Amino acid sequence: MQTDKCGTYAGWNLHRKNSTDYCQECRSFKLEYDKQYRKNPEKLARIQERDRMRVRNKEERKRTNKSYRERNIEEVRARTRAFNNKRRAWMLNTTCGPYTEEEVLSLYGTLCHICNEKIDLGAKRSTGAEGWEKGLHIDHLIPMSKGGPDTLDNVRPSHGLCNTKKNAKLITQQYAN
């Protein structure tokens, strides 16, 4: 990334903000800048070492995060789902309480609360994946869009297909049969 600002503080700062490698002009500018404005050589050495470590740590974090996600895919998905539900509740101005899928299943069982058939817990959950129709979805009795809270007492296990057909409607007798 070569800009007309390279060789200035603004150019160096642009590289830093964009997390790109510093060009030679910006490196030499920063070295002179540090010598001029940071008279203490020990402090300058610490700053330079910190900058070197920041680059190394950033690369290490990328490798570590990716391998962690690969090893703990279900945990990461559960955390992402919980975060998205909390954010959605906040945006819809409803309450949100902590619960896990295990708590929902242990409290309400593995029958779909809409059609009363058994849920296939081994099936894929992503809509459109093979067998997703009988997979587990967590359904809100009172939809969040209608002011229902995202709490354990307002959620029930359901089939993916039943949940998508129900959409944001309240459960009535037509769904129970």
C-alpha atoms as a PDB file:
ATOM      1  CA  MET A   1       0.000   0.000   0.000  1.00  0.00           C
ATOM      2  CA  GLN A   2       1.801   3.097  -1.188  1.00  0.00           C
ATOM      3  CA  THR A   3       0.170   6.434  -0.494  1.00  0.00           C
ATOM      4  CA  ASP A   4       1.185  10.037  -0.934  1.00  0.00           C
ATOM      5  CA  LYS A   5       1.323  10.221   2.881  1.00  0.00           C
ATOM      6  CA  CYS A   6       4.082   7.623   3.206  1.00  0.00           C
ATOM      7  CA  GLY A   7       7.087   8.964   5.053  1.00  0.00           C
ATOM      8  CA  THR A   8       4.869  11.017   7.385  1.00  0.00           C
ATOM      9  CA  TYR A   9       3.205  10.297  10.711  1.00  0.00           C
ATOM     10  CA  ALA A  10      -0.157  10.076   8.942  1.00  0.00           C
ATOM     11  CA  GLY A  11       1.201   7.474   6.517  1.00  0.00           C
ATOM     12  CA  TRP A  12       2.715   5.413   9.326  1.00  0.00           C
ATOM     13  CA  ASN A  13      -0.546   5.637  11.285  1.00  0.00           C
ATOM     14  CA  LEU A  14      -2.518   4.554   8.195  1.00  0.00           C
ATOM     15  CA  HIS A  15      -0.415   1.390   7.931  1.00  0.00           C
ATOM     16  CA  ARG A  16      -0.971   0.745  11.652  1.00  0.00           C
ATOM     17  CA  LYS A  17      -4.754   1.233  11.466  1.00  0.00           C
ATOM     18  CA  ASN A  18      -5.103  -0.975   8.385  1.00  0.00           C
ATOM     19  CA  SER A  19      -2.787  -3.641   9.872  1.00  0.00           C
ATOM     20  CA  THR A  20      -0.616  -3.602   6.767  1.00  0.00           C
ATOM     21  CA  ASP A  21       3.151  -3.928   6.627  1.00  0.00           C
ATOM     22  CA  TYR A  22       5.008  -0.657   6.982  1.00  0.00           C
ATOM     23  CA  CYS A  23       6.765   0.519   3.825  1.00  0.00           C
ATOM     24  CA  GLN A  24      10.435   1.494   4.025  1.00  0.00           C
ATOM     25  CA  GLU A  25       9.651   5.229   4.002  1.00  0.00           C
ATOM     26  CA  CYS A  26       7.268   4.889   6.947  1.00  0.00           C
ATOM     27  CA  ARG A  27       9.696   2.636   8.858  1.00  0.00           C
ATOM     28  CA  SER A  28      12.522   5.120   8.532  1.00  0.00           C
ATOM     29  CA  PHE A  29      10.194   8.024   9.390  1.00  0.00           C
ATOM     30  CA  LYS A  30       9.004   6.228  12.531  1.00  0.00           C
ATOM     31  CA  LEU A  31      12.572   5.447  13.589  1.00  0.00           C
ATOM     32  CA  GLU A  32      13.560   9.119  13.278  1.00  0.00           C
ATOM     33  CA  TYR A  33      10.359  10.210  14.976  1.00  0.00           C
ATOM     34  CA  ASP A  34      11.028   7.888  17.903  1.00  0.00           C
ATOM     35  CA  LYS A  35      14.627   9.069  18.207  1.00  0.00           C
ATOM     36  CA  GLN A  36      13.536  12.693  18.207  1.00  0.00           C
ATOM     37  CA  TYR A  37      10.531  12.492  20.518  1.00  0.00           C
ATOM     38  CA  ARG A  38      11.512   9.633  22.783  1.00  0.00           C
ATOM     39  CA  LYS A  39      14.898  10.618  24.178  1.00  0.00           C
ATOM     40  CA  ASN A  40      14.940   7.734  26.667  1.00  0.00           C
ATOM     41  CA  PRO A  41      16.695   4.838  24.834  1.00  0.00           C
ATOM     42  CA  GLU A  42      15.293   2.215  27.232  1.00  0.00           C
ATOM     43  CA  LYS A  43      11.762   3.393  26.577  1.00  0.00           C
ATOM     44  CA  LEU A  44      12.423   3.416  22.819  1.00  0.00           C
ATOM     45  CA  ALA A  45      13.731  -0.161  22.979  1.00  0.00           C
ATOM     46  CA  ARG A  46      10.598  -1.251  24.908  1.00  0.00           C
ATOM     47  CA  ILE A  47       8.338   0.443  22.362  1.00  0.00           C
ATOM     48  CA  GLN A  48      10.121  -1.210  19.431  1.00  0.00           C
ATOM     49  CA  GLU A  49      10.010  -4.619  21.127  1.00  0.00           C
ATOM     50  CA  ARG A  50       6.298  -4.136  21.864  1.00  0.00           C
ATOM     51  CA  ASP A  51       5.662  -3.365  18.189  1.00  0.00           C
ATOM     52  CA  ARG A  52       7.565  -6.488  17.108  1.00  0.00           C
ATOM     53  CA  MET A  53       5.670  -8.632  19.639  1.00  0.00           C
ATOM     54  CA  ARG A  54       2.338  -7.163  18.549  1.00  0.00           C
ATOM     55  CA  VAL A  55       2.926  -8.397  15.001  1.00  0.00           C
ATOM     56  CA  ARG A  56       4.016 -11.862  16.234  1.00  0.00           C
ATOM     57  CA  ASN A  57       1.102 -12.137  18.669  1.00  0.00           C
ATOM     58  CA  LYS A  58      -1.408 -11.128  16.011  1.00  0.00           C
ATOM     59  CA  GLU A  59      -0.215 -13.917  13.717  1.00  0.00           C
ATOM     60  CA  GLU A  60      -0.191 -16.416  16.596  1.00  0.00           C
ATOM     61  CA  ARG A  61      -3.724 -15.426  17.650  1.00  0.00           C
ATOM     62  CA  LYS A  62      -4.970 -16.015  14.115  1.00  0.00           C
ATOM     63  CA  ARG A  63      -3.494 -19.519  14.085  1.00  0.00           C
ATOM     64  CA  THR A  64      -4.661 -20.308  17.622  1.00  0.00           C
ATOM     65  CA  ASN A  65      -8.207 -18.995  17.150  1.00  0.00           C
ATOM     66  CA  LYS A  66      -8.687 -20.990  13.977  1.00  0.00           C
ATOM     67  CA  SER A  67      -7.469 -24.231  15.521  1.00  0.00           C
ATOM     68  CA  TYR A  68      -9.590 -23.613  18.656  1.00  0.00           C
ATOM     69  CA  ARG A  69     -12.695 -23.079  16.541  1.00  0.00           C
ATOM     70  CA  GLU A  70     -11.989 -26.263  14.601  1.00  0.00           C
ATOM     71  CA  ARG A  71     -11.556 -28.299  17.806  1.00  0.00           C
ATOM     72  CA  ASN A  72     -14.598 -26.845  19.618  1.00  0.00           C
ATOM     73  CA  ILE A  73     -17.046 -26.182  16.806  1.00  0.00           C
ATOM     74  CA  GLU A  74     -20.182 -27.000  18.829  1.00  0.00           C
ATOM     75  CA  GLU A  75     -19.166 -24.774  21.738  1.00  0.00           C
ATOM     76  CA  VAL A  76     -18.382 -21.896  19.384  1.00  0.00           C
ATOM     77  CA  ARG A  77     -21.734 -22.328  17.621  1.00  0.00           C
ATOM     78  CA  ALA A  78     -23.575 -22.391  20.957  1.00  0.00           C
ATOM     79  CA  ARG A  79     -21.830 -19.209  22.106  1.00  0.00           C
ATOM     80  CA  THR A  80     -22.590 -17.530  18.775  1.00  0.00           C
ATOM     81  CA  ARG A  81     -26.256 -18.548  19.005  1.00  0.00           C
ATOM     82  CA  ALA A  82     -26.493 -17.228  22.570  1.00  0.00           C
ATOM     83  CA  PHE A  83     -24.845 -13.945  21.577  1.00  0.00           C
ATOM     84  CA  ASN A  84     -27.168 -13.515  18.580  1.00  0.00           C
ATOM     85  CA  ASN A  85     -30.250 -14.238  20.719  1.00  0.00           C
ATOM     86  CA  LYS A  86     -29.123 -11.745  23.346  1.00  0.00           C
ATOM     87  CA  ARG A  87     -28.458  -9.098  20.686  1.00  0.00           C
ATOM     88  CA  ARG A  88     -31.810  -9.754  19.034  1.00  0.00           C
ATOM     89  CA  ALA A  89     -33.633  -9.464  22.382  1.00  0.00           C
ATOM     90  CA  TRP A  90     -31.858  -6.196  23.065  1.00  0.00           C
ATOM     91  CA  MET A  91     -32.806  -4.823  19.630  1.00  0.00           C
ATOM     92  CA  LEU A  92     -36.452  -5.876  20.098  1.00  0.00           C
ATOM     93  CA  ASN A  93     -36.466  -4.417  23.614  1.00  0.00           C
ATOM     94  CA  THR A  94     -37.397  -7.693  25.316  1.00  0.00           C
ATOM     95  CA  THR A  95     -35.782  -9.558  28.170  1.00  0.00           C
ATOM     96  CA  CYS A  96     -33.170 -12.239  27.745  1.00  0.00           C
ATOM     97  CA  GLY A  97     -32.235 -14.975  30.186  1.00  0.00           C
ATOM     98  CA  PRO A  98     -29.434 -17.515  30.097  1.00  0.00           C
ATOM     99  CA  TYR A  99     -30.347 -21.043  29.033  1.00  0.00           C
ATOM    100  CA  THR A 100     -28.731 -23.860  27.092  1.00  0.00           C
ATOM    101  CA  GLU A 101     -30.194 -26.355  24.664  1.00  0.00           C
ATOM    102  CA  GLU A 102     -29.468 -29.108  27.186  1.00  0.00           C
ATOM    103  CA  GLU A 103     -31.633 -27.304  29.760  1.00  0.00           C
ATOM    104  CA  VAL A 104     -34.461 -26.924  27.246  1.00  0.00           C
ATOM    105  CA  LEU A 105     -34.294 -30.612  26.300  1.00  0.00           C
ATOM    106  CA  SER A 106     -34.074 -31.850  29.896  1.00  0.00           C
ATOM    107  CA  LEU A 107     -36.991 -29.657  31.001  1.00  0.00           C
ATOM    108  CA  TYR A 108     -39.334 -30.126  28.019  1.00  0.00           C
ATOM    109  CA  GLY A 109     -38.152 -33.433  26.510  1.00  0.00           C
ATOM    110  CA  THR A 110     -37.326 -34.327  22.919  1.00  0.00           C
ATOM    111  CA  LEU A 111     -40.827 -34.139  21.453  1.00  0.00           C
ATOM    112  CA  CYS A 112     -41.692 -31.302  19.096  1.00  0.00           C
ATOM    113  CA  HIS A 113     -44.114 -29.082  20.996  1.00  0.00           C
ATOM    114  CA  ILE A 114     -45.954 -28.270  17.744  1.00  0.00           C
ATOM    115  CA  CYS A 115     -46.586 -31.725  16.223  1.00  0.00           C
ATOM    116  CA  ASN A 116     -45.739 -33.971  19.230  1.00  0.00           C
ATOM    117  CA  GLU A 117     -43.338 -36.182  17.231  1.00  0.00           C
ATOM    118  CA  LYS A 118     -39.817 -37.139  18.294  1.00  0.00           C
ATOM    119  CA  ILE A 119     -36.995 -34.785  17.277  1.00  0.00           C
ATOM    120  CA  ASP A 120     -33.928 -36.283  15.600  1.00  0.00           C
ATOM    121  CA  LEU A 121     -31.098 -34.828  17.706  1.00  0.00           C
ATOM    122  CA  GLY A 122     -28.476 -36.187  15.304  1.00  0.00           C
ATOM    123  CA  ALA A 123     -29.925 -34.407  12.268  1.00  0.00           C
ATOM    124  CA  LYS A 124     -28.384 -31.274  10.801  1.00  0.00           C
ATOM    125  CA  ARG A 125     -29.834 -28.054  12.136  1.00  0.00           C
ATOM    126  CA  SER A 126     -29.021 -25.649   9.323  1.00  0.00           C
ATOM    127  CA  THR A 127     -32.021 -24.945   7.157  1.00  0.00           C
ATOM    128  CA  GLY A 128     -31.564 -26.560   3.763  1.00  0.00           C
ATOM    129  CA  ALA A 129     -29.088 -29.228   4.911  1.00  0.00           C
ATOM    130  CA  GLU A 130     -30.068 -32.845   4.343  1.00  0.00           C
ATOM    131  CA  GLY A 131     -32.521 -34.000   7.053  1.00  0.00           C
ATOM    132  CA  TRP A 132     -32.881 -30.576   8.681  1.00  0.00           C
ATOM    133  CA  GLU A 133     -36.679 -30.851   8.728  1.00  0.00           C
ATOM    134  CA  LYS A 134     -36.619 -33.248  11.721  1.00  0.00           C
ATOM    135  CA  GLY A 135     -33.621 -31.585  13.397  1.00  0.00           C
ATOM    136  CA  LEU A 136     -33.741 -29.574  16.617  1.00  0.00           C
ATOM    137  CA  HIS A 137     -34.780 -25.932  16.586  1.00  0.00           C
ATOM    138  CA  ILE A 138     -35.541 -23.887  19.681  1.00  0.00           C
ATOM    139  CA  ASP A 139     -38.904 -22.174  19.228  1.00  0.00           C
ATOM    140  CA  HIS A 140     -40.340 -19.253  21.184  1.00  0.00           C
ATOM    141  CA  LEU A 141     -43.943 -19.754  22.341  1.00  0.00           C
ATOM    142  CA  ILE A 142     -44.504 -16.005  22.198  1.00  0.00           C
ATOM    143  CA  PRO A 143     -42.266 -14.810  19.362  1.00  0.00           C
ATOM    144  CA  MET A 144     -39.680 -12.200  20.256  1.00  0.00           C
ATOM    145  CA  SER A 145     -41.074 -10.014  17.482  1.00  0.00           C
ATOM    146  CA  LYS A 146     -44.382  -9.976  19.383  1.00  0.00           C
ATOM    147  CA  GLY A 147     -42.703  -8.987  22.662  1.00  0.00           C
ATOM    148  CA  GLY A 148     -41.975 -12.462  24.015  1.00  0.00           C
ATOM    149  CA  PRO A 149     -38.888 -12.825  26.199  1.00  0.00           C
ATOM    150  CA  ASP A 150     -35.900 -14.979  25.306  1.00  0.00           C
ATOM    151  CA  THR A 151     -36.037 -16.998  28.509  1.00  0.00           C
ATOM    152  CA  LEU A 152     -36.237 -20.687  29.408  1.00  0.00           C
ATOM    153  CA  ASP A 153     -39.956 -20.555  30.199  1.00  0.00           C
ATOM    154  CA  ASN A 154     -40.787 -19.098  26.750  1.00  0.00           C
ATOM    155  CA  VAL A 155     -38.830 -21.590  24.595  1.00  0.00           C
ATOM    156  CA  ARG A 156     -39.626 -25.156  23.556  1.00  0.00           C
ATOM    157  CA  PRO A 157     -37.917 -27.757  21.357  1.00  0.00           C
ATOM    158  CA  SER A 158     -39.360 -28.178  17.885  1.00  0.00           C
ATOM    159  CA  HIS A 159     -38.600 -29.629  14.461  1.00  0.00           C
ATOM    160  CA  GLY A 160     -36.872 -27.303  12.038  1.00  0.00           C
ATOM    161  CA  LEU A 161     -39.728 -27.542   9.546  1.00  0.00           C
ATOM    162  CA  CYS A 162     -42.435 -27.009  12.190  1.00  0.00           C
ATOM    163  CA  ASN A 163     -40.585 -23.968  13.497  1.00  0.00           C
ATOM    164  CA  THR A 164     -40.160 -22.390  10.065  1.00  0.00           C
ATOM    165  CA  LYS A 165     -43.822 -23.030   9.173  1.00  0.00           C
ATOM    166  CA  LYS A 166     -44.961 -21.497  12.444  1.00  0.00           C
ATOM    167  CA  ASN A 167     -42.769 -18.447  11.774  1.00  0.00           C
ATOM    168  CA  ALA A 168     -43.801 -15.551  14.065  1.00  0.00           C
ATOM    169  CA  LYS A 169     -47.308 -16.790  14.787  1.00  0.00           C
ATOM    170  CA  LEU A 170     -48.689 -17.674  18.186  1.00  0.00           C
ATOM    171  CA  ILE A 171     -49.503 -21.354  18.680  1.00  0.00           C
ATOM    172  CA  THR A 172     -53.185 -22.176  18.274  1.00  0.00           C
ATOM    173  CA  GLN A 173     -55.082 -25.412  17.906  1.00  0.00           C
ATOM    174  CA  GLN A 174     -54.284 -25.646  14.173  1.00  0.00           C
ATOM    175  CA  TYR A 175     -50.621 -26.307  15.034  1.00  0.00           C
ATOM    176  CA  ALA A 176     -51.345 -28.684  17.898  1.00  0.00           C
ATOM    177  CA  ASN A 177     -53.145 -31.190  15.608  1.00  0.00           C
END
